[in-house]
Amino acid sequence: MQMPSSLVAVLMLAVLVGTVTDRTTGQPMPNVTIAVGAVHATSRPDGTYRLSGVKTGKATVTASSNDAPPQRFPVTIGSATTHLDLVLCSVTLDYNCGGLQ
């Protein structure tokens, strides 16, 4: 039996979860936008985030906020839930991170 292509596409989606912390202090970073392609979420007050509906395979995670310039992280998204903690450079505390891309 062959599955409809729309069902196959749904089966290829996964979840990416983790915590965003500051590189200098190690403290959680709230209100950081985390994105993989068109899927995005904002980190909660405790720094945790959850992206649902992410395509499986190799991807680039982008994280940014008013306090953190865009920073990119490679990841391989598995078939269920993938965990990726992000350590970001904050321009408020680390003047050397302003030029990150």
PDB file of N, CA and C in Angstrom:
ATOM      1  N   MET A   1       0.841  -1.186   0.000  1.00  0.00           N
ATOM      2  CA  MET A   1       0.000   0.000   0.000  1.00  0.00           C
ATOM      3  C   MET A   1       0.880   1.241   0.000  1.00  0.00           C
ATOM      4  N   GLN A   2       0.577   2.156  -0.852  1.00  0.00           N
ATOM      5  CA  GLN A   2       1.353   3.377  -0.969  1.00  0.00           C
ATOM      6  C   GLN A   2       0.673   4.491  -0.176  1.00  0.00           C
ATOM      7  N   MET A   3       1.487   5.255   0.583  1.00  0.00           N
ATOM      8  CA  MET A   3       0.942   6.364   1.368  1.00  0.00           C
ATOM      9  C   MET A   3       0.796   7.598   0.498  1.00  0.00           C
ATOM     10  N   PRO A   4      -0.219   8.412   0.758  1.00  0.00           N
ATOM     11  CA  PRO A   4      -0.333   9.685   0.041  1.00  0.00           C
ATOM     12  C   PRO A   4       0.883  10.562   0.334  1.00  0.00           C
ATOM     13  N   SER A   5       1.332  11.345  -0.643  1.00  0.00           N
ATOM     14  CA  SER A   5       2.527  12.172  -0.459  1.00  0.00           C
ATOM     15  C   SER A   5       2.368  13.157   0.687  1.00  0.00           C
ATOM     16  N   SER A   6       1.159  13.646   0.963  1.00  0.00           N
ATOM     17  CA  SER A   6       0.960  14.580   2.072  1.00  0.00           C
ATOM     18  C   SER A   6       1.219  13.904   3.410  1.00  0.00           C
ATOM     19  N   LEU A   7       0.887  12.621   3.542  1.00  0.00           N
ATOM     20  CA  LEU A   7       1.131  11.886   4.778  1.00  0.00           C
ATOM     21  C   LEU A   7       2.622  11.632   4.956  1.00  0.00           C
ATOM     22  N   VAL A   8       3.311  11.309   3.867  1.00  0.00           N
ATOM     23  CA  VAL A   8       4.751  11.093   3.939  1.00  0.00           C
ATOM     24  C   VAL A   8       5.443  12.365   4.398  1.00  0.00           C
ATOM     25  N   ALA A   9       5.028  13.517   3.912  1.00  0.00           N
ATOM     26  CA  ALA A   9       5.631  14.790   4.305  1.00  0.00           C
ATOM     27  C   ALA A   9       5.453  15.036   5.796  1.00  0.00           C
ATOM     28  N   VAL A  10       4.289  14.695   6.341  1.00  0.00           N
ATOM     29  CA  VAL A  10       4.042  14.880   7.773  1.00  0.00           C
ATOM     30  C   VAL A  10       4.967  13.995   8.591  1.00  0.00           C
ATOM     31  N   LEU A  11       5.220  12.791   8.119  1.00  0.00           N
ATOM     32  CA  LEU A  11       6.081  11.865   8.850  1.00  0.00           C
ATOM     33  C   LEU A  11       7.537  12.307   8.864  1.00  0.00           C
ATOM     34  N   MET A  12       7.925  13.227   8.006  1.00  0.00           N
ATOM     35  CA  MET A  12       9.302  13.678   7.908  1.00  0.00           C
ATOM     36  C   MET A  12       9.579  14.900   8.779  1.00  0.00           C
ATOM     37  N   LEU A  13       8.631  15.284   9.619  1.00  0.00           N
ATOM     38  CA  LEU A  13       8.801  16.455  10.480  1.00  0.00           C
ATOM     39  C   LEU A  13       9.157  16.013  11.891  1.00  0.00           C
ATOM     40  N   ALA A  14       9.918  16.851  12.574  1.00  0.00           N
ATOM     41  CA  ALA A  14      10.399  16.523  13.910  1.00  0.00           C
ATOM     42  C   ALA A  14      10.300  17.743  14.822  1.00  0.00           C
ATOM     43  N   VAL A  15      10.840  17.590  16.025  1.00  0.00           N
ATOM     44  CA  VAL A  15      10.831  18.643  17.042  1.00  0.00           C
ATOM     45  C   VAL A  15      12.274  18.937  17.449  1.00  0.00           C
ATOM     46  N   LEU A  16      12.592  20.211  17.601  1.00  0.00           N
ATOM     47  CA  LEU A  16      13.899  20.643  18.091  1.00  0.00           C
ATOM     48  C   LEU A  16      13.681  21.377  19.405  1.00  0.00           C
ATOM     49  N   VAL A  17      14.364  20.947  20.461  1.00  0.00           N
ATOM     50  CA  VAL A  17      14.225  21.564  21.780  1.00  0.00           C
ATOM     51  C   VAL A  17      15.606  21.876  22.344  1.00  0.00           C
ATOM     52  N   GLY A  18      15.652  22.806  23.295  1.00  0.00           N
ATOM     53  CA  GLY A  18      16.908  23.119  23.960  1.00  0.00           C
ATOM     54  C   GLY A  18      16.778  24.326  24.855  1.00  0.00           C
ATOM     55  N   THR A  19      17.909  24.790  25.332  1.00  0.00           N
ATOM     56  CA  THR A  19      17.988  25.952  26.213  1.00  0.00           C
ATOM     57  C   THR A  19      19.004  26.927  25.644  1.00  0.00           C
ATOM     58  N   VAL A  20      18.677  28.214  25.699  1.00  0.00           N
ATOM     59  CA  VAL A  20      19.576  29.271  25.236  1.00  0.00           C
ATOM     60  C   VAL A  20      20.198  29.929  26.466  1.00  0.00           C
ATOM     61  N   THR A  21      21.534  29.981  26.506  1.00  0.00           N
ATOM     62  CA  THR A  21      22.226  30.627  27.622  1.00  0.00           C
ATOM     63  C   THR A  21      23.237  31.637  27.097  1.00  0.00           C
ATOM     64  N   ASP A  22      23.609  32.564  27.965  1.00  0.00           N
ATOM     65  CA  ASP A  22      24.586  33.602  27.655  1.00  0.00           C
ATOM     66  C   ASP A  22      25.997  33.036  27.780  1.00  0.00           C
ATOM     67  N   ARG A  23      26.840  33.315  26.791  1.00  0.00           N
ATOM     68  CA  ARG A  23      28.213  32.811  26.773  1.00  0.00           C
ATOM     69  C   ARG A  23      29.037  33.318  27.956  1.00  0.00           C
ATOM     70  N   THR A  24      28.815  34.560  28.371  1.00  0.00           N
ATOM     71  CA  THR A  24      29.617  35.163  29.425  1.00  0.00           C
ATOM     72  C   THR A  24      29.168  34.753  30.821  1.00  0.00           C
ATOM     73  N   THR A  25      27.854  34.758  31.053  1.00  0.00           N
ATOM     74  CA  THR A  25      27.338  34.506  32.403  1.00  0.00           C
ATOM     75  C   THR A  25      26.791  33.100  32.612  1.00  0.00           C
ATOM     76  N   GLY A  26      26.423  32.419  31.526  1.00  0.00           N
ATOM     77  CA  GLY A  26      25.797  31.111  31.655  1.00  0.00           C
ATOM     78  C   GLY A  26      24.319  31.185  32.026  1.00  0.00           C
ATOM     79  N   GLN A  27      23.789  32.402  32.137  1.00  0.00           N
ATOM     80  CA  GLN A  27      22.384  32.586  32.511  1.00  0.00           C
ATOM     81  C   GLN A  27      21.469  32.321  31.313  1.00  0.00           C
ATOM     82  N   PRO A  28      20.227  31.869  31.589  1.00  0.00           N
ATOM     83  CA  PRO A  28      19.258  31.663  30.515  1.00  0.00           C
ATOM     84  C   PRO A  28      18.968  32.976  29.788  1.00  0.00           C
ATOM     85  N   MET A  29      18.704  32.884  28.487  1.00  0.00           N
ATOM     86  CA  MET A  29      18.375  34.060  27.685  1.00  0.00           C
ATOM     87  C   MET A  29      16.939  33.947  27.175  1.00  0.00           C
ATOM     88  N   PRO A  30      16.033  34.756  27.714  1.00  0.00           N
ATOM     89  CA  PRO A  30      14.657  34.759  27.216  1.00  0.00           C
ATOM     90  C   PRO A  30      14.527  35.636  25.972  1.00  0.00           C
ATOM     91  N   ASN A  31      13.411  35.471  25.266  1.00  0.00           N
ATOM     92  CA  ASN A  31      13.057  36.321  24.121  1.00  0.00           C
ATOM     93  C   ASN A  31      14.050  36.267  22.969  1.00  0.00           C
ATOM     94  N   VAL A  32      14.697  35.128  22.801  1.00  0.00           N
ATOM     95  CA  VAL A  32      15.579  34.916  21.661  1.00  0.00           C
ATOM     96  C   VAL A  32      14.763  34.201  20.586  1.00  0.00           C
ATOM     97  N   THR A  33      14.836  34.695  19.359  1.00  0.00           N
ATOM     98  CA  THR A  33      14.151  34.038  18.252  1.00  0.00           C
ATOM     99  C   THR A  33      15.047  32.936  17.713  1.00  0.00           C
ATOM    100  N   ILE A  34      14.520  31.721  17.702  1.00  0.00           N
ATOM    101  CA  ILE A  34      15.220  30.548  17.195  1.00  0.00           C
ATOM    102  C   ILE A  34      14.509  30.149  15.911  1.00  0.00           C
ATOM    103  N   ALA A  35      15.265  29.926  14.819  1.00  0.00           N
ATOM    104  CA  ALA A  35      14.632  29.586  13.549  1.00  0.00           C
ATOM    105  C   ALA A  35      15.399  28.501  12.812  1.00  0.00           C
ATOM    106  N   VAL A  36      14.630  27.632  12.176  1.00  0.00           N
ATOM    107  CA  VAL A  36      15.156  26.658  11.216  1.00  0.00           C
ATOM    108  C   VAL A  36      14.284  26.826   9.989  1.00  0.00           C
ATOM    109  N   GLY A  37      14.834  27.469   8.972  1.00  0.00           N
ATOM    110  CA  GLY A  37      14.032  27.780   7.795  1.00  0.00           C
ATOM    111  C   GLY A  37      12.881  28.698   8.188  1.00  0.00           C
ATOM    112  N   ALA A  38      11.669  28.327   7.787  1.00  0.00           N
ATOM    113  CA  ALA A  38      10.489  29.146   8.089  1.00  0.00           C
ATOM    114  C   ALA A  38       9.876  28.845   9.453  1.00  0.00           C
ATOM    115  N   VAL A  39      10.391  27.831  10.149  1.00  0.00           N
ATOM    116  CA  VAL A  39       9.858  27.461  11.465  1.00  0.00           C
ATOM    117  C   VAL A  39      10.615  28.249  12.523  1.00  0.00           C
ATOM    118  N   HIS A  40       9.886  28.936  13.389  1.00  0.00           N
ATOM    119  CA  HIS A  40      10.563  29.723  14.416  1.00  0.00           C
ATOM    120  C   HIS A  40       9.785  29.705  15.729  1.00  0.00           C
ATOM    121  N   ALA A  41      10.509  30.027  16.808  1.00  0.00           N
ATOM    122  CA  ALA A  41       9.938  30.106  18.146  1.00  0.00           C
ATOM    123  C   ALA A  41      10.750  31.122  18.937  1.00  0.00           C
ATOM    124  N   THR A  42      10.232  31.502  20.089  1.00  0.00           N
ATOM    125  CA  THR A  42      10.922  32.434  20.986  1.00  0.00           C
ATOM    126  C   THR A  42      11.218  31.730  22.297  1.00  0.00           C
ATOM    127  N   SER A  43      12.441  31.910  22.797  1.00  0.00           N
ATOM    128  CA  SER A  43      12.795  31.258  24.056  1.00  0.00           C
ATOM    129  C   SER A  43      11.998  31.856  25.217  1.00  0.00           C
ATOM    130  N   ARG A  44      11.642  30.991  26.159  1.00  0.00           N
ATOM    131  CA  ARG A  44      10.846  31.370  27.326  1.00  0.00           C
ATOM    132  C   ARG A  44      11.736  32.039  28.390  1.00  0.00           C
ATOM    133  N   PRO A  45      11.136  32.529  29.472  1.00  0.00           N
ATOM    134  CA  PRO A  45      11.931  33.182  30.528  1.00  0.00           C
ATOM    135  C   PRO A  45      13.063  32.315  31.089  1.00  0.00           C
ATOM    136  N   ASP A  46      12.894  30.978  31.063  1.00  0.00           N
ATOM    137  CA  ASP A  46      13.955  30.099  31.566  1.00  0.00           C
ATOM    138  C   ASP A  46      14.953  29.709  30.464  1.00  0.00           C
ATOM    139  N   GLY A  47      14.823  30.333  29.282  1.00  0.00           N
ATOM    140  CA  GLY A  47      15.742  30.098  28.179  1.00  0.00           C
ATOM    141  C   GLY A  47      15.390  28.911  27.296  1.00  0.00           C
ATOM    142  N   THR A  48      14.379  28.134  27.656  1.00  0.00           N
ATOM    143  CA  THR A  48      14.035  26.967  26.856  1.00  0.00           C
ATOM    144  C   THR A  48      13.250  27.359  25.611  1.00  0.00           C
ATOM    145  N   TYR A  49      13.365  26.531  24.592  1.00  0.00           N
ATOM    146  CA  TYR A  49      12.615  26.750  23.355  1.00  0.00           C
ATOM    147  C   TYR A  49      12.171  25.398  22.802  1.00  0.00           C
ATOM    148  N   ARG A  50      11.163  25.449  21.928  1.00  0.00           N
ATOM    149  CA  ARG A  50      10.652  24.253  21.263  1.00  0.00           C
ATOM    150  C   ARG A  50      10.178  24.638  19.872  1.00  0.00           C
ATOM    151  N   LEU A  51      10.774  24.020  18.873  1.00  0.00           N
ATOM    152  CA  LEU A  51      10.355  24.211  17.481  1.00  0.00           C
ATOM    153  C   LEU A  51       9.700  22.913  17.012  1.00  0.00           C
ATOM    154  N   SER A  52       8.448  22.981  16.649  1.00  0.00           N
ATOM    155  CA  SER A  52       7.735  21.812  16.133  1.00  0.00           C
ATOM    156  C   SER A  52       7.570  21.948  14.632  1.00  0.00           C
ATOM    157  N   GLY A  53       7.548  20.814  13.945  1.00  0.00           N
ATOM    158  CA  GLY A  53       7.343  20.831  12.503  1.00  0.00           C
ATOM    159  C   GLY A  53       8.594  21.128  11.714  1.00  0.00           C
ATOM    160  N   VAL A  54       9.763  20.758  12.260  1.00  0.00           N
ATOM    161  CA  VAL A  54      11.040  20.987  11.589  1.00  0.00           C
ATOM    162  C   VAL A  54      11.330  19.803  10.669  1.00  0.00           C
ATOM    163  N   LYS A  55      11.810  20.075   9.482  1.00  0.00           N
ATOM    164  CA  LYS A  55      12.171  19.006   8.547  1.00  0.00           C
ATOM    165  C   LYS A  55      13.385  18.253   9.076  1.00  0.00           C
ATOM    166  N   THR A  56      13.392  16.941   8.889  1.00  0.00           N
ATOM    167  CA  THR A  56      14.525  16.132   9.325  1.00  0.00           C
ATOM    168  C   THR A  56      15.703  16.317   8.369  1.00  0.00           C
ATOM    169  N   GLY A  57      16.896  16.007   8.874  1.00  0.00           N
ATOM    170  CA  GLY A  57      18.118  16.125   8.077  1.00  0.00           C
ATOM    171  C   GLY A  57      19.006  17.249   8.569  1.00  0.00           C
ATOM    172  N   LYS A  58      20.018  17.562   7.782  1.00  0.00           N
ATOM    173  CA  LYS A  58      20.962  18.630   8.152  1.00  0.00           C
ATOM    174  C   LYS A  58      20.300  19.983   7.970  1.00  0.00           C
ATOM    175  N   ALA A  59      20.545  20.863   8.945  1.00  0.00           N
ATOM    176  CA  ALA A  59      19.939  22.193   8.903  1.00  0.00           C
ATOM    177  C   ALA A  59      20.846  23.184   9.618  1.00  0.00           C
ATOM    178  N   THR A  60      20.483  24.456   9.504  1.00  0.00           N
ATOM    179  CA  THR A  60      21.161  25.512  10.233  1.00  0.00           C
ATOM    180  C   THR A  60      20.152  26.197  11.131  1.00  0.00           C
ATOM    181  N   VAL A  61      20.479  26.277  12.413  1.00  0.00           N
ATOM    182  CA  VAL A  61      19.650  26.984  13.384  1.00  0.00           C
ATOM    183  C   VAL A  61      20.186  28.400  13.491  1.00  0.00           C
ATOM    184  N   THR A  62      19.303  29.383  13.410  1.00  0.00           N
ATOM    185  CA  THR A  62      19.692  30.772  13.592  1.00  0.00           C
ATOM    186  C   THR A  62      19.050  31.280  14.874  1.00  0.00           C
ATOM    187  N   ALA A  63      19.832  31.959  15.698  1.00  0.00           N
ATOM    188  CA  ALA A  63      19.340  32.518  16.957  1.00  0.00           C
ATOM    189  C   ALA A  63      19.712  33.990  17.011  1.00  0.00           C
ATOM    190  N   SER A  64      18.754  34.845  17.414  1.00  0.00           N
ATOM    191  CA  SER A  64      19.037  36.274  17.523  1.00  0.00           C
ATOM    192  C   SER A  64      18.010  36.945  18.426  1.00  0.00           C
ATOM    193  N   SER A  65      18.399  38.095  18.935  1.00  0.00           N
ATOM    194  CA  SER A  65      17.498  38.916  19.758  1.00  0.00           C
ATOM    195  C   SER A  65      18.004  40.353  19.708  1.00  0.00           C
ATOM    196  N   ASN A  66      17.340  41.234  20.444  1.00  0.00           N
ATOM    197  CA  ASN A  66      17.810  42.616  20.532  1.00  0.00           C
ATOM    198  C   ASN A  66      19.201  42.688  21.159  1.00  0.00           C
ATOM    199  N   ASP A  67      19.539  41.698  21.981  1.00  0.00           N
ATOM    200  CA  ASP A  67      20.794  41.675  22.716  1.00  0.00           C
ATOM    201  C   ASP A  67      21.842  40.748  22.094  1.00  0.00           C
ATOM    202  N   ALA A  68      21.434  39.919  21.142  1.00  0.00           N
ATOM    203  CA  ALA A  68      22.356  38.955  20.542  1.00  0.00           C
ATOM    204  C   ALA A  68      22.284  39.049  19.026  1.00  0.00           C
ATOM    205  N   PRO A  69      23.414  39.335  18.380  1.00  0.00           N
ATOM    206  CA  PRO A  69      23.406  39.376  16.913  1.00  0.00           C
ATOM    207  C   PRO A  69      23.099  37.980  16.377  1.00  0.00           C
ATOM    208  N   PRO A  70      22.666  37.874  15.122  1.00  0.00           N
ATOM    209  CA  PRO A  70      22.359  36.560  14.556  1.00  0.00           C
ATOM    210  C   PRO A  70      23.555  35.617  14.659  1.00  0.00           C
ATOM    211  N   GLN A  71      23.288  34.429  15.179  1.00  0.00           N
ATOM    212  CA  GLN A  71      24.327  33.409  15.313  1.00  0.00           C
ATOM    213  C   GLN A  71      23.772  32.112  14.745  1.00  0.00           C
ATOM    214  N   ARG A  72      24.624  31.375  14.020  1.00  0.00           N
ATOM    215  CA  ARG A  72      24.178  30.174  13.313  1.00  0.00           C
ATOM    216  C   ARG A  72      24.855  28.932  13.882  1.00  0.00           C
ATOM    217  N   PHE A  73      24.084  27.837  13.933  1.00  0.00           N
ATOM    218  CA  PHE A  73      24.557  26.581  14.486  1.00  0.00           C
ATOM    219  C   PHE A  73      24.131  25.429  13.578  1.00  0.00           C
ATOM    220  N   PRO A  74      25.070  24.582  13.160  1.00  0.00           N
ATOM    221  CA  PRO A  74      24.683  23.420  12.357  1.00  0.00           C
ATOM    222  C   PRO A  74      24.035  22.369  13.256  1.00  0.00           C
ATOM    223  N   VAL A  75      23.074  21.640  12.705  1.00  0.00           N
ATOM    224  CA  VAL A  75      22.408  20.587  13.459  1.00  0.00           C
ATOM    225  C   VAL A  75      21.898  19.532  12.484  1.00  0.00           C
ATOM    226  N   THR A  76      21.824  18.312  12.949  1.00  0.00           N
ATOM    227  CA  THR A  76      21.171  17.253  12.197  1.00  0.00           C
ATOM    228  C   THR A  76      19.900  16.894  12.959  1.00  0.00           C
ATOM    229  N   ILE A  77      18.758  17.151  12.340  1.00  0.00           N
ATOM    230  CA  ILE A  77      17.460  16.905  12.967  1.00  0.00           C
ATOM    231  C   ILE A  77      17.101  15.441  12.764  1.00  0.00           C
ATOM    232  N   GLY A  78      16.862  14.738  13.870  1.00  0.00           N
ATOM    233  CA  GLY A  78      16.482  13.331  13.801  1.00  0.00           C
ATOM    234  C   GLY A  78      15.006  13.164  13.493  1.00  0.00           C
ATOM    235  N   SER A  79      14.542  11.937  13.553  1.00  0.00           N
ATOM    236  CA  SER A  79      13.163  11.637  13.174  1.00  0.00           C
ATOM    237  C   SER A  79      12.139  11.911  14.272  1.00  0.00           C
ATOM    238  N   ALA A  80      12.566  12.200  15.469  1.00  0.00           N
ATOM    239  CA  ALA A  80      11.612  12.470  16.554  1.00  0.00           C
ATOM    240  C   ALA A  80      11.942  13.814  17.193  1.00  0.00           C
ATOM    241  N   THR A  81      12.620  13.779  18.336  1.00  0.00           N
ATOM    242  CA  THR A  81      12.993  15.007  19.040  1.00  0.00           C
ATOM    243  C   THR A  81      14.511  15.111  19.088  1.00  0.00           C
ATOM    244  N   THR A  82      15.018  16.250  18.660  1.00  0.00           N
ATOM    245  CA  THR A  82      16.452  16.534  18.712  1.00  0.00           C
ATOM    246  C   THR A  82      16.681  17.622  19.748  1.00  0.00           C
ATOM    247  N   HIS A  83      17.724  17.455  20.573  1.00  0.00           N
ATOM    248  CA  HIS A  83      18.048  18.421  21.627  1.00  0.00           C
ATOM    249  C   HIS A  83      19.287  19.202  21.197  1.00  0.00           C
ATOM    250  N   LEU A  84      19.186  20.531  21.223  1.00  0.00           N
ATOM    251  CA  LEU A  84      20.321  21.396  20.896  1.00  0.00           C
ATOM    252  C   LEU A  84      20.313  22.601  21.834  1.00  0.00           C
ATOM    253  N   ASP A  85      21.271  22.633  22.762  1.00  0.00           N
ATOM    254  CA  ASP A  85      21.440  23.802  23.622  1.00  0.00           C
ATOM    255  C   ASP A  85      22.293  24.816  22.882  1.00  0.00           C
ATOM    256  N   LEU A  86      21.924  26.090  23.003  1.00  0.00           N
ATOM    257  CA  LEU A  86      22.613  27.167  22.301  1.00  0.00           C
ATOM    258  C   LEU A  86      23.282  28.101  23.298  1.00  0.00           C
ATOM    259  N   VAL A  87      24.542  28.396  23.094  1.00  0.00           N
ATOM    260  CA  VAL A  87      25.283  29.345  23.919  1.00  0.00           C
ATOM    261  C   VAL A  87      25.549  30.553  23.034  1.00  0.00           C
ATOM    262  N   LEU A  88      24.926  31.686  23.391  1.00  0.00           N
ATOM    263  CA  LEU A  88      24.990  32.880  22.554  1.00  0.00           C
ATOM    264  C   LEU A  88      25.883  33.952  23.148  1.00  0.00           C
ATOM    265  N   CYS A  89      26.405  34.743  22.264  1.00  0.00           N
ATOM    266  CA  CYS A  89      27.176  35.917  22.627  1.00  0.00           C
ATOM    267  C   CYS A  89      26.215  37.104  22.733  1.00  0.00           C
ATOM    268  N   SER A  90      26.247  37.793  23.853  1.00  0.00           N
ATOM    269  CA  SER A  90      25.374  38.942  24.103  1.00  0.00           C
ATOM    270  C   SER A  90      26.190  40.229  24.004  1.00  0.00           C
ATOM    271  N   VAL A  91      25.733  41.181  23.185  1.00  0.00           N
ATOM    272  CA  VAL A  91      26.490  42.426  23.013  1.00  0.00           C
ATOM    273  C   VAL A  91      26.500  43.276  24.277  1.00  0.00           C
ATOM    274  N   THR A  92      25.548  43.078  25.162  1.00  0.00           N
ATOM    275  CA  THR A  92      25.519  43.833  26.416  1.00  0.00           C
ATOM    276  C   THR A  92      26.718  43.477  27.292  1.00  0.00           C
ATOM    277  N   LEU A  93      27.104  42.196  27.286  1.00  0.00           N
ATOM    278  CA  LEU A  93      28.154  41.734  28.186  1.00  0.00           C
ATOM    279  C   LEU A  93      29.486  41.439  27.496  1.00  0.00           C
ATOM    280  N   ASP A  94      29.477  41.274  26.190  1.00  0.00           N
ATOM    281  CA  ASP A  94      30.687  40.896  25.472  1.00  0.00           C
ATOM    282  C   ASP A  94      30.801  41.754  24.213  1.00  0.00           C
ATOM    283  N   TYR A  95      31.617  42.782  24.275  1.00  0.00           N
ATOM    284  CA  TYR A  95      31.745  43.716  23.148  1.00  0.00           C
ATOM    285  C   TYR A  95      32.393  43.093  21.927  1.00  0.00           C
ATOM    286  N   ASN A  96      33.010  41.941  22.069  1.00  0.00           N
ATOM    287  CA  ASN A  96      33.666  41.275  20.947  1.00  0.00           C
ATOM    288  C   ASN A  96      32.707  40.501  20.056  1.00  0.00           C
ATOM    289  N   CYS A  97      31.435  40.417  20.412  1.00  0.00           N
ATOM    290  CA  CYS A  97      30.520  39.591  19.612  1.00  0.00           C
ATOM    291  C   CYS A  97      29.685  40.414  18.651  1.00  0.00           C
ATOM    292  N   GLY A  98      29.846  41.704  18.588  1.00  0.00           N
ATOM    293  CA  GLY A  98      29.025  42.537  17.713  1.00  0.00           C
ATOM    294  C   GLY A  98      29.140  42.208  16.245  1.00  0.00           C
ATOM    295  N   GLY A  99      30.246  41.630  15.813  1.00  0.00           N
ATOM    296  CA  GLY A  99      30.431  41.339  14.401  1.00  0.00           C
ATOM    297  C   GLY A  99      30.092  39.914  14.016  1.00  0.00           C
ATOM    298  N   LEU A 100      29.519  39.142  14.914  1.00  0.00           N
ATOM    299  CA  LEU A 100      29.183  37.737  14.604  1.00  0.00           C
ATOM    300  C   LEU A 100      28.130  37.661  13.517  1.00  0.00           C
ATOM    301  N   GLN A 101      28.211  36.654  12.718  1.00  0.00           N
ATOM    302  CA  GLN A 101      27.185  36.365  11.709  1.00  0.00           C
ATOM    303  C   GLN A 101      26.980  34.897  11.645  1.00  0.00           C
TER     304      GLN A 101
END
